């Protein structure tokens, strides 16, 4: 799940709404994905020191920028 969400956000041109992330992740995976799993992958990996994602505002995420 984490890798799928990461690929979706890496391909994005900017921040994405969580519902868009979920839909794109399902399309990429070629199967339905649990909403809770996508949401959890985003939330867990947008907090702390070693994060992949950045929460831009409520419900919107992007890949974390280096630097």
N, C-alpha and C. Protein backbone atom coordinates (compact mmCIF):
# COMPACT_ATOMS: atom_id res chain seq x y z
N UNK A 1 0.82 -1.18 0.00
CA UNK A 1 0.00 0.00 0.00
C UNK A 1 0.87 1.26 0.00
N UNK A 2 1.87 1.27 0.85
CA UNK A 2 2.74 2.43 0.97
C UNK A 2 3.44 2.73 -0.35
N UNK A 3 3.94 1.70 -1.01
CA UNK A 3 4.63 1.91 -2.28
C UNK A 3 3.67 2.43 -3.35
N UNK A 4 2.46 1.93 -3.38
CA UNK A 4 1.46 2.38 -4.35
C UNK A 4 1.13 3.84 -4.15
N UNK A 5 0.88 4.23 -2.91
CA UNK A 5 0.58 5.64 -2.60
C UNK A 5 1.79 6.52 -2.92
N UNK A 6 2.98 6.03 -2.65
CA UNK A 6 4.19 6.78 -2.96
C UNK A 6 4.31 7.04 -4.46
N UNK A 7 4.07 6.02 -5.27
CA UNK A 7 4.15 6.19 -6.72
C UNK A 7 3.11 7.20 -7.20
N UNK A 8 1.91 7.12 -6.67
CA UNK A 8 0.84 8.07 -7.04
C UNK A 8 1.30 9.50 -6.77
N UNK A 9 1.84 9.75 -5.59
CA UNK A 9 2.25 11.11 -5.24
C UNK A 9 3.51 11.55 -5.97
N UNK A 10 4.39 10.62 -6.30
CA UNK A 10 5.57 10.97 -7.09
C UNK A 10 5.18 11.42 -8.50
N UNK A 11 4.13 10.84 -9.03
CA UNK A 11 3.66 11.18 -10.38
C UNK A 11 2.81 12.45 -10.42
N UNK A 12 2.32 12.85 -9.28
CA UNK A 12 1.44 14.02 -9.21
C UNK A 12 2.21 15.31 -9.51
N UNK A 13 1.50 16.27 -10.05
CA UNK A 13 2.12 17.57 -10.36
C UNK A 13 2.07 18.52 -9.17
N UNK A 14 1.39 18.13 -8.13
CA UNK A 14 1.27 18.96 -6.94
C UNK A 14 0.49 18.21 -5.88
N UNK A 15 0.05 18.89 -4.85
CA UNK A 15 -0.72 18.24 -3.80
C UNK A 15 -1.99 17.60 -4.35
N UNK A 16 -2.36 16.48 -3.76
CA UNK A 16 -3.57 15.78 -4.17
C UNK A 16 -4.50 15.62 -2.98
N UNK A 17 -5.79 15.69 -3.28
CA UNK A 17 -6.83 15.43 -2.30
C UNK A 17 -6.84 13.94 -2.02
N UNK A 18 -7.08 13.55 -0.79
CA UNK A 18 -7.01 12.15 -0.39
C UNK A 18 -7.92 11.25 -1.22
N UNK A 19 -9.07 11.73 -1.63
CA UNK A 19 -9.97 10.92 -2.47
C UNK A 19 -9.36 10.69 -3.86
N UNK A 20 -8.64 11.68 -4.36
CA UNK A 20 -7.94 11.51 -5.65
C UNK A 20 -6.80 10.51 -5.52
N UNK A 21 -6.11 10.56 -4.40
CA UNK A 21 -5.02 9.63 -4.13
C UNK A 21 -5.56 8.20 -4.09
N UNK A 22 -6.66 8.03 -3.38
CA UNK A 22 -7.29 6.71 -3.26
C UNK A 22 -7.69 6.17 -4.64
N UNK A 23 -8.34 6.99 -5.45
CA UNK A 23 -8.78 6.57 -6.78
C UNK A 23 -7.58 6.22 -7.67
N UNK A 24 -6.55 7.05 -7.64
CA UNK A 24 -5.35 6.80 -8.45
C UNK A 24 -4.62 5.54 -7.98
N UNK A 25 -4.59 5.31 -6.68
CA UNK A 25 -3.94 4.11 -6.14
C UNK A 25 -4.70 2.86 -6.57
N UNK A 26 -6.02 2.90 -6.56
CA UNK A 26 -6.82 1.77 -7.02
C UNK A 26 -6.56 1.49 -8.50
N UNK A 27 -6.49 2.54 -9.29
CA UNK A 27 -6.22 2.37 -10.72
C UNK A 27 -4.84 1.77 -10.95
N UNK A 28 -3.85 2.27 -10.22
CA UNK A 28 -2.49 1.76 -10.35
C UNK A 28 -2.40 0.29 -9.91
N UNK A 29 -3.08 -0.05 -8.83
CA UNK A 29 -3.05 -1.41 -8.31
C UNK A 29 -3.91 -2.36 -9.15
N UNK A 30 -4.89 -1.81 -9.87
CA UNK A 30 -5.76 -2.65 -10.68
C UNK A 30 -6.78 -3.41 -9.87
N UNK A 31 -7.06 -2.93 -8.67
CA UNK A 31 -8.03 -3.58 -7.80
C UNK A 31 -8.51 -2.60 -6.74
N UNK A 32 -9.66 -2.89 -6.13
CA UNK A 32 -10.14 -2.02 -5.05
C UNK A 32 -9.18 -2.05 -3.86
N UNK A 33 -9.01 -0.89 -3.24
CA UNK A 33 -8.17 -0.78 -2.05
C UNK A 33 -9.02 -0.21 -0.92
N UNK A 34 -8.77 -0.68 0.27
CA UNK A 34 -9.50 -0.17 1.42
C UNK A 34 -9.18 1.30 1.66
N UNK A 35 -10.22 2.09 1.81
CA UNK A 35 -10.08 3.52 2.10
C UNK A 35 -9.22 3.70 3.34
N UNK A 36 -9.50 2.92 4.39
CA UNK A 36 -8.77 3.04 5.65
C UNK A 36 -7.28 2.76 5.48
N UNK A 37 -6.92 1.87 4.60
CA UNK A 37 -5.51 1.53 4.38
C UNK A 37 -4.77 2.67 3.70
N UNK A 38 -5.40 3.29 2.72
CA UNK A 38 -4.79 4.44 2.03
C UNK A 38 -4.64 5.60 3.00
N UNK A 39 -5.69 5.86 3.74
CA UNK A 39 -5.68 6.96 4.71
C UNK A 39 -4.60 6.73 5.77
N UNK A 40 -4.48 5.51 6.25
CA UNK A 40 -3.47 5.18 7.26
C UNK A 40 -2.06 5.34 6.71
N UNK A 41 -1.83 4.89 5.48
CA UNK A 41 -0.51 5.02 4.87
C UNK A 41 -0.10 6.48 4.77
N UNK A 42 -1.05 7.35 4.43
CA UNK A 42 -0.76 8.78 4.35
C UNK A 42 -0.49 9.37 5.73
N UNK A 43 -1.36 9.09 6.67
CA UNK A 43 -1.26 9.69 8.00
C UNK A 43 0.03 9.28 8.71
N UNK A 44 0.35 8.01 8.70
CA UNK A 44 1.53 7.50 9.40
C UNK A 44 2.82 8.04 8.77
N UNK A 45 2.81 8.20 7.47
CA UNK A 45 4.03 8.61 6.77
C UNK A 45 4.10 10.10 6.51
N UNK A 46 3.27 10.88 7.18
CA UNK A 46 3.31 12.34 7.08
C UNK A 46 3.68 12.97 8.42
N UNK A 47 4.03 12.14 9.39
CA UNK A 47 4.39 12.64 10.72
C UNK A 47 5.73 12.07 11.14
N UNK A 48 6.46 12.83 11.93
CA UNK A 48 7.74 12.36 12.44
C UNK A 48 8.91 12.85 11.60
N UNK A 49 10.07 12.33 11.92
CA UNK A 49 11.30 12.77 11.26
C UNK A 49 11.53 12.08 9.91
N UNK A 50 11.23 10.81 9.83
CA UNK A 50 11.44 10.03 8.61
C UNK A 50 10.13 9.91 7.85
N UNK A 51 9.74 10.95 7.16
CA UNK A 51 8.46 10.94 6.47
C UNK A 51 8.63 10.93 4.96
N UNK A 52 7.67 10.35 4.28
CA UNK A 52 7.66 10.33 2.82
C UNK A 52 6.75 11.42 2.27
N UNK A 53 5.69 11.73 3.03
CA UNK A 53 4.66 12.64 2.56
C UNK A 53 4.58 13.88 3.42
N UNK A 54 3.98 14.89 2.86
CA UNK A 54 3.78 16.15 3.56
C UNK A 54 2.29 16.50 3.49
N UNK A 55 1.70 16.76 4.64
CA UNK A 55 0.30 17.18 4.67
C UNK A 55 0.29 18.69 4.42
N UNK A 56 -0.26 19.09 3.30
CA UNK A 56 -0.27 20.49 2.89
C UNK A 56 -1.36 21.25 3.63
N UNK A 57 -2.52 20.64 3.70
CA UNK A 57 -3.65 21.14 4.47
C UNK A 57 -4.58 19.96 4.67
N UNK A 58 -5.64 20.16 5.38
CA UNK A 58 -6.54 19.06 5.70
C UNK A 58 -7.00 18.34 4.43
N UNK A 59 -6.67 17.05 4.36
CA UNK A 59 -7.10 16.22 3.25
C UNK A 59 -6.23 16.27 2.01
N UNK A 60 -5.17 17.07 2.01
CA UNK A 60 -4.29 17.21 0.85
C UNK A 60 -2.86 16.83 1.22
N UNK A 61 -2.27 15.99 0.37
CA UNK A 61 -0.91 15.52 0.61
C UNK A 61 -0.07 15.65 -0.65
N UNK A 62 1.25 15.68 -0.46
CA UNK A 62 2.20 15.64 -1.58
C UNK A 62 3.43 14.88 -1.11
N UNK A 63 4.27 14.52 -2.06
CA UNK A 63 5.51 13.86 -1.72
C UNK A 63 6.38 14.89 -0.99
N UNK A 64 7.11 14.46 0.01
CA UNK A 64 7.93 15.38 0.78
C UNK A 64 9.11 15.85 -0.05
N UNK A 65 9.30 17.14 -0.02
CA UNK A 65 10.43 17.73 -0.75
C UNK A 65 11.69 17.60 0.08
N UNK A 66 12.79 17.31 -0.60
CA UNK A 66 14.08 17.21 0.10
C UNK A 66 14.64 18.60 0.37
N UNK A 67 15.36 18.69 1.47
CA UNK A 67 16.02 19.95 1.76
C UNK A 67 15.37 20.71 2.74
